Amino acid sequence: MTEYAKLILAEQTCHTIEIREKATGKEGVANSCADGVELFYGADDGSDDKTVSIEVFNSAFEIVAMIK
């Protein structure tokens, strides 16, 4: 199962899905969106948030926690 498929399933029952960027270890939360996956890392001004494609999410990120 891909990380994106796990994300979609988790969104049905969980409030927060925590992710980790494989290359850097940077952690944040993710939500699916029309353009792929929105990533939120926690800067108050949103300057570190970004949207990535499904392909990039599958290869570069892993889900580390699903919080109900």
PDB file of N, CA and C in Angstrom:
ATOM      1  N   MET A   1       0.855  -1.182   0.000  1.00  0.00           N
ATOM      2  CA  MET A   1       0.000   0.000   0.000  1.00  0.00           C
ATOM      3  C   MET A   1       0.895   1.238   0.000  1.00  0.00           C
ATOM      4  N   THR A   2       0.576   2.189  -0.832  1.00  0.00           N
ATOM      5  CA  THR A   2       1.373   3.418  -0.911  1.00  0.00           C
ATOM      6  C   THR A   2       1.081   4.334   0.277  1.00  0.00           C
ATOM      7  N   GLU A   3       1.978   5.279   0.509  1.00  0.00           N
ATOM      8  CA  GLU A   3       1.760   6.245   1.589  1.00  0.00           C
ATOM      9  C   GLU A   3       0.509   7.084   1.307  1.00  0.00           C
ATOM     10  N   TYR A   4       0.275   7.410   0.045  1.00  0.00           N
ATOM     11  CA  TYR A   4      -0.920   8.186  -0.298  1.00  0.00           C
ATOM     12  C   TYR A   4      -2.189   7.388   0.003  1.00  0.00           C
ATOM     13  N   ALA A   5      -2.201   6.114  -0.325  1.00  0.00           N
ATOM     14  CA  ALA A   5      -3.365   5.263  -0.023  1.00  0.00           C
ATOM     15  C   ALA A   5      -3.591   5.192   1.482  1.00  0.00           C
ATOM     16  N   LYS A   6      -2.519   5.090   2.248  1.00  0.00           N
ATOM     17  CA  LYS A   6      -2.627   5.093   3.716  1.00  0.00           C
ATOM     18  C   LYS A   6      -3.206   6.419   4.201  1.00  0.00           C
ATOM     19  N   LEU A   7      -2.770   7.524   3.597  1.00  0.00           N
ATOM     20  CA  LEU A   7      -3.267   8.850   3.966  1.00  0.00           C
ATOM     21  C   LEU A   7      -4.770   8.945   3.733  1.00  0.00           C
ATOM     22  N   ILE A   8      -5.228   8.514   2.575  1.00  0.00           N
ATOM     23  CA  ILE A   8      -6.647   8.579   2.249  1.00  0.00           C
ATOM     24  C   ILE A   8      -7.467   7.742   3.236  1.00  0.00           C
ATOM     25  N   LEU A   9      -7.005   6.550   3.558  1.00  0.00           N
ATOM     26  CA  LEU A   9      -7.711   5.710   4.532  1.00  0.00           C
ATOM     27  C   LEU A   9      -7.711   6.353   5.916  1.00  0.00           C
ATOM     28  N   ALA A  10      -6.576   6.896   6.321  1.00  0.00           N
ATOM     29  CA  ALA A  10      -6.464   7.509   7.644  1.00  0.00           C
ATOM     30  C   ALA A  10      -7.368   8.726   7.780  1.00  0.00           C
ATOM     31  N   GLU A  11      -7.534   9.490   6.703  1.00  0.00           N
ATOM     32  CA  GLU A  11      -8.370  10.689   6.760  1.00  0.00           C
ATOM     33  C   GLU A  11      -9.836  10.360   7.069  1.00  0.00           C
ATOM     34  N   GLN A  12     -10.247   9.155   6.827  1.00  0.00           N
ATOM     35  CA  GLN A  12     -11.631   8.770   7.087  1.00  0.00           C
ATOM     36  C   GLN A  12     -11.931   8.644   8.580  1.00  0.00           C
ATOM     37  N   THR A  13     -10.904   8.368   9.388  1.00  0.00           N
ATOM     38  CA  THR A  13     -11.137   8.150  10.817  1.00  0.00           C
ATOM     39  C   THR A  13     -10.247   8.974  11.738  1.00  0.00           C
ATOM     40  N   CYS A  14      -9.217   9.594  11.201  1.00  0.00           N
ATOM     41  CA  CYS A  14      -8.257  10.297  12.053  1.00  0.00           C
ATOM     42  C   CYS A  14      -8.338  11.806  11.857  1.00  0.00           C
ATOM     43  N   HIS A  15      -8.059  12.510  12.926  1.00  0.00           N
ATOM     44  CA  HIS A  15      -8.057  13.973  12.908  1.00  0.00           C
ATOM     45  C   HIS A  15      -6.736  14.516  12.378  1.00  0.00           C
ATOM     46  N   THR A  16      -5.629  13.869  12.754  1.00  0.00           N
ATOM     47  CA  THR A  16      -4.302  14.348  12.394  1.00  0.00           C
ATOM     48  C   THR A  16      -3.457  13.194  11.867  1.00  0.00           C
ATOM     49  N   ILE A  17      -2.776  13.415  10.758  1.00  0.00           N
ATOM     50  CA  ILE A  17      -1.863  12.430  10.204  1.00  0.00           C
ATOM     51  C   ILE A  17      -0.479  13.056  10.181  1.00  0.00           C
ATOM     52  N   GLU A  18       0.408  12.509  11.006  1.00  0.00           N
ATOM     53  CA  GLU A  18       1.763  13.029  11.104  1.00  0.00           C
ATOM     54  C   GLU A  18       2.653  12.321  10.093  1.00  0.00           C
ATOM     55  N   ILE A  19       3.542  13.103   9.461  1.00  0.00           N
ATOM     56  CA  ILE A  19       4.425  12.571   8.432  1.00  0.00           C
ATOM     57  C   ILE A  19       5.875  12.965   8.722  1.00  0.00           C
ATOM     58  N   ARG A  20       6.787  12.253   8.063  1.00  0.00           N
ATOM     59  CA  ARG A  20       8.215  12.578   8.151  1.00  0.00           C
ATOM     60  C   ARG A  20       8.787  12.549   6.743  1.00  0.00           C
ATOM     61  N   GLU A  21       9.588  13.550   6.434  1.00  0.00           N
ATOM     62  CA  GLU A  21      10.299  13.587   5.155  1.00  0.00           C
ATOM     63  C   GLU A  21      11.497  12.639   5.270  1.00  0.00           C
ATOM     64  N   LYS A  22      11.580  11.659   4.401  1.00  0.00           N
ATOM     65  CA  LYS A  22      12.613  10.628   4.499  1.00  0.00           C
ATOM     66  C   LYS A  22      14.028  11.196   4.405  1.00  0.00           C
ATOM     67  N   ALA A  23      14.269  12.134   3.524  1.00  0.00           N
ATOM     68  CA  ALA A  23      15.622  12.655   3.290  1.00  0.00           C
ATOM     69  C   ALA A  23      16.146  13.510   4.434  1.00  0.00           C
ATOM     70  N   THR A  24      15.257  14.273   5.066  1.00  0.00           N
ATOM     71  CA  THR A  24      15.712  15.233   6.077  1.00  0.00           C
ATOM     72  C   THR A  24      15.276  14.901   7.496  1.00  0.00           C
ATOM     73  N   GLY A  25      14.255  14.068   7.642  1.00  0.00           N
ATOM     74  CA  GLY A  25      13.708  13.784   8.964  1.00  0.00           C
ATOM     75  C   GLY A  25      12.742  14.845   9.453  1.00  0.00           C
ATOM     76  N   LYS A  26      12.511  15.872   8.647  1.00  0.00           N
ATOM     77  CA  LYS A  26      11.590  16.953   9.013  1.00  0.00           C
ATOM     78  C   LYS A  26      10.184  16.375   9.186  1.00  0.00           C
ATOM     79  N   GLU A  27       9.512  16.757  10.278  1.00  0.00           N
ATOM     80  CA  GLU A  27       8.189  16.224  10.581  1.00  0.00           C
ATOM     81  C   GLU A  27       7.114  17.291  10.489  1.00  0.00           C
ATOM     82  N   GLY A  28       5.908  16.856  10.157  1.00  0.00           N
ATOM     83  CA  GLY A  28       4.767  17.745  10.053  1.00  0.00           C
ATOM     84  C   GLY A  28       3.491  16.936   9.960  1.00  0.00           C
ATOM     85  N   VAL A  29       2.465  17.546   9.420  1.00  0.00           N
ATOM     86  CA  VAL A  29       1.192  16.860   9.221  1.00  0.00           C
ATOM     87  C   VAL A  29       0.795  17.003   7.757  1.00  0.00           C
ATOM     88  N   ALA A  30      -0.093  16.092   7.302  1.00  0.00           N
ATOM     89  CA  ALA A  30      -0.479  16.086   5.893  1.00  0.00           C
ATOM     90  C   ALA A  30      -1.978  15.906   5.734  1.00  0.00           C
ATOM     91  N   ASN A  31      -2.495  16.474   4.654  1.00  0.00           N
ATOM     92  CA  ASN A  31      -3.895  16.310   4.237  1.00  0.00           C
ATOM     93  C   ASN A  31      -3.901  16.162   2.724  1.00  0.00           C
ATOM     94  N   SER A  32      -4.804  15.331   2.208  1.00  0.00           N
ATOM     95  CA  SER A  32      -4.951  15.261   0.762  1.00  0.00           C
ATOM     96  C   SER A  32      -5.676  16.512   0.276  1.00  0.00           C
ATOM     97  N   CYS A  33      -5.443  16.860  -0.979  1.00  0.00           N
ATOM     98  CA  CYS A  33      -6.100  18.012  -1.589  1.00  0.00           C
ATOM     99  C   CYS A  33      -6.212  17.761  -3.084  1.00  0.00           C
ATOM    100  N   ALA A  34      -6.867  18.652  -3.784  1.00  0.00           N
ATOM    101  CA  ALA A  34      -7.075  18.496  -5.225  1.00  0.00           C
ATOM    102  C   ALA A  34      -5.757  18.455  -6.003  1.00  0.00           C
ATOM    103  N   ASP A  35      -4.723  19.116  -5.492  1.00  0.00           N
ATOM    104  CA  ASP A  35      -3.435  19.174  -6.188  1.00  0.00           C
ATOM    105  C   ASP A  35      -2.451  18.099  -5.746  1.00  0.00           C
ATOM    106  N   GLY A  36      -2.829  17.244  -4.802  1.00  0.00           N
ATOM    107  CA  GLY A  36      -1.939  16.199  -4.296  1.00  0.00           C
ATOM    108  C   GLY A  36      -2.040  16.092  -2.794  1.00  0.00           C
ATOM    109  N   VAL A  37      -0.979  16.526  -2.100  1.00  0.00           N
ATOM    110  CA  VAL A  37      -0.936  16.447  -0.642  1.00  0.00           C
ATOM    111  C   VAL A  37      -0.408  17.766  -0.086  1.00  0.00           C
ATOM    112  N   GLU A  38      -1.149  18.334   0.853  1.00  0.00           N
ATOM    113  CA  GLU A  38      -0.712  19.547   1.542  1.00  0.00           C
ATOM    114  C   GLU A  38       0.093  19.132   2.762  1.00  0.00           C
ATOM    115  N   LEU A  39       1.247  19.762   2.950  1.00  0.00           N
ATOM    116  CA  LEU A  39       2.129  19.484   4.074  1.00  0.00           C
ATOM    117  C   LEU A  39       2.239  20.734   4.937  1.00  0.00           C
ATOM    118  N   PHE A  40       2.099  20.550   6.221  1.00  0.00           N
ATOM    119  CA  PHE A  40       2.160  21.653   7.178  1.00  0.00           C
ATOM    120  C   PHE A  40       3.224  21.317   8.219  1.00  0.00           C
ATOM    121  N   TYR A  41       4.239  22.175   8.317  1.00  0.00           N
ATOM    122  CA  TYR A  41       5.355  21.904   9.217  1.00  0.00           C
ATOM    123  C   TYR A  41       5.320  22.702  10.517  1.00  0.00           C
ATOM    124  N   GLY A  42       4.478  23.691  10.630  1.00  0.00           N
ATOM    125  CA  GLY A  42       4.307  24.342  11.916  1.00  0.00           C
ATOM    126  C   GLY A  42       4.732  25.781  12.062  1.00  0.00           C
ATOM    127  N   ALA A  43       5.308  26.400  11.063  1.00  0.00           N
ATOM    128  CA  ALA A  43       5.655  27.819  11.181  1.00  0.00           C
ATOM    129  C   ALA A  43       4.369  28.626  11.315  1.00  0.00           C
ATOM    130  N   ASP A  44       4.346  29.549  12.248  1.00  0.00           N
ATOM    131  CA  ASP A  44       3.149  30.356  12.500  1.00  0.00           C
ATOM    132  C   ASP A  44       2.660  31.097  11.259  1.00  0.00           C
ATOM    133  N   ASP A  45       3.574  31.544  10.418  1.00  0.00           N
ATOM    134  CA  ASP A  45       3.177  32.300   9.233  1.00  0.00           C
ATOM    135  C   ASP A  45       2.935  31.414   8.007  1.00  0.00           C
ATOM    136  N   GLY A  46       3.092  30.094   8.171  1.00  0.00           N
ATOM    137  CA  GLY A  46       2.849  29.179   7.066  1.00  0.00           C
ATOM    138  C   GLY A  46       3.946  29.152   6.018  1.00  0.00           C
ATOM    139  N   SER A  47       5.070  29.785   6.298  1.00  0.00           N
ATOM    140  CA  SER A  47       6.130  29.900   5.302  1.00  0.00           C
ATOM    141  C   SER A  47       6.774  28.562   4.940  1.00  0.00           C
ATOM    142  N   ASP A  48       6.629  27.552   5.794  1.00  0.00           N
ATOM    143  CA  ASP A  48       7.234  26.258   5.497  1.00  0.00           C
ATOM    144  C   ASP A  48       6.227  25.233   4.973  1.00  0.00           C
ATOM    145  N   ASP A  49       4.986  25.632   4.766  1.00  0.00           N
ATOM    146  CA  ASP A  49       3.963  24.735   4.227  1.00  0.00           C
ATOM    147  C   ASP A  49       4.155  24.593   2.721  1.00  0.00           C
ATOM    148  N   LYS A  50       3.746  23.443   2.182  1.00  0.00           N
ATOM    149  CA  LYS A  50       3.856  23.250   0.740  1.00  0.00           C
ATOM    150  C   LYS A  50       2.878  22.175   0.289  1.00  0.00           C
ATOM    151  N   THR A  51       2.686  22.103  -1.012  1.00  0.00           N
ATOM    152  CA  THR A  51       1.865  21.071  -1.633  1.00  0.00           C
ATOM    153  C   THR A  51       2.758  20.269  -2.560  1.00  0.00           C
ATOM    154  N   VAL A  52       2.661  18.942  -2.459  1.00  0.00           N
ATOM    155  CA  VAL A  52       3.453  18.064  -3.315  1.00  0.00           C
ATOM    156  C   VAL A  52       2.520  17.132  -4.092  1.00  0.00           C
ATOM    157  N   SER A  53       3.025  16.589  -5.167  1.00  0.00           N
ATOM    158  CA  SER A  53       2.240  15.640  -5.961  1.00  0.00           C
ATOM    159  C   SER A  53       2.125  14.310  -5.215  1.00  0.00           C
ATOM    160  N   ILE A  54       1.193  13.509  -5.645  1.00  0.00           N
ATOM    161  CA  ILE A  54       1.014  12.179  -5.051  1.00  0.00           C
ATOM    162  C   ILE A  54       2.288  11.354  -5.216  1.00  0.00           C
ATOM    163  N   GLU A  55       2.919  11.442  -6.367  1.00  0.00           N
ATOM    164  CA  GLU A  55       4.137  10.679  -6.634  1.00  0.00           C
ATOM    165  C   GLU A  55       5.266  11.074  -5.685  1.00  0.00           C
ATOM    166  N   VAL A  56       5.429  12.377  -5.478  1.00  0.00           N
ATOM    167  CA  VAL A  56       6.465  12.852  -4.557  1.00  0.00           C
ATOM    168  C   VAL A  56       6.143  12.404  -3.137  1.00  0.00           C
ATOM    169  N   PHE A  57       4.888  12.498  -2.742  1.00  0.00           N
ATOM    170  CA  PHE A  57       4.507  12.065  -1.395  1.00  0.00           C
ATOM    171  C   PHE A  57       4.839  10.589  -1.198  1.00  0.00           C
ATOM    172  N   ASN A  58       4.501   9.762  -2.170  1.00  0.00           N
ATOM    173  CA  ASN A  58       4.765   8.323  -2.055  1.00  0.00           C
ATOM    174  C   ASN A  58       6.245   8.004  -1.928  1.00  0.00           C
ATOM    175  N   SER A  59       7.085   8.734  -2.621  1.00  0.00           N
ATOM    176  CA  SER A  59       8.511   8.406  -2.625  1.00  0.00           C
ATOM    177  C   SER A  59       9.315   9.116  -1.540  1.00  0.00           C
ATOM    178  N   ALA A  60       8.887  10.301  -1.128  1.00  0.00           N
ATOM    179  CA  ALA A  60       9.729  11.108  -0.241  1.00  0.00           C
ATOM    180  C   ALA A  60       9.237  11.219   1.196  1.00  0.00           C
ATOM    181  N   PHE A  61       8.033  10.714   1.497  1.00  0.00           N
ATOM    182  CA  PHE A  61       7.455  10.877   2.828  1.00  0.00           C
ATOM    183  C   PHE A  61       6.959   9.557   3.383  1.00  0.00           C
ATOM    184  N   GLU A  62       6.874   9.493   4.710  1.00  0.00           N
ATOM    185  CA  GLU A  62       6.266   8.345   5.364  1.00  0.00           C
ATOM    186  C   GLU A  62       5.352   8.815   6.475  1.00  0.00           C
ATOM    187  N   ILE A  63       4.247   8.112   6.650  1.00  0.00           N
ATOM    188  CA  ILE A  63       3.321   8.413   7.733  1.00  0.00           C
ATOM    189  C   ILE A  63       3.887   7.793   8.999  1.00  0.00           C
ATOM    190  N   VAL A  64       3.988   8.592  10.067  1.00  0.00           N
ATOM    191  CA  VAL A  64       4.567   8.100  11.312  1.00  0.00           C
ATOM    192  C   VAL A  64       3.537   7.974  12.430  1.00  0.00           C
ATOM    193  N   ALA A  65       2.393   8.658  12.313  1.00  0.00           N
ATOM    194  CA  ALA A  65       1.362   8.553  13.349  1.00  0.00           C
ATOM    195  C   ALA A  65       0.029   8.999  12.779  1.00  0.00           C
ATOM    196  N   MET A  66      -1.039   8.340  13.295  1.00  0.00           N
ATOM    197  CA  MET A  66      -2.408   8.709  12.929  1.00  0.00           C
ATOM    198  C   MET A  66      -3.165   8.926  14.234  1.00  0.00           C
ATOM    199  N   ILE A  67      -3.632  10.150  14.447  1.00  0.00           N
ATOM    200  CA  ILE A  67      -4.246  10.516  15.717  1.00  0.00           C
ATOM    201  C   ILE A  67      -5.746  10.728  15.509  1.00  0.00           C
ATOM    202  N   LYS A  68      -6.540  10.012  16.284  1.00  0.00           N
ATOM    203  CA  LYS A  68      -8.009  10.131  16.158  1.00  0.00           C
ATOM    204  C   LYS A  68      -8.530  11.345  16.834  1.00  0.00           C
TER     205      LYS A  68
END
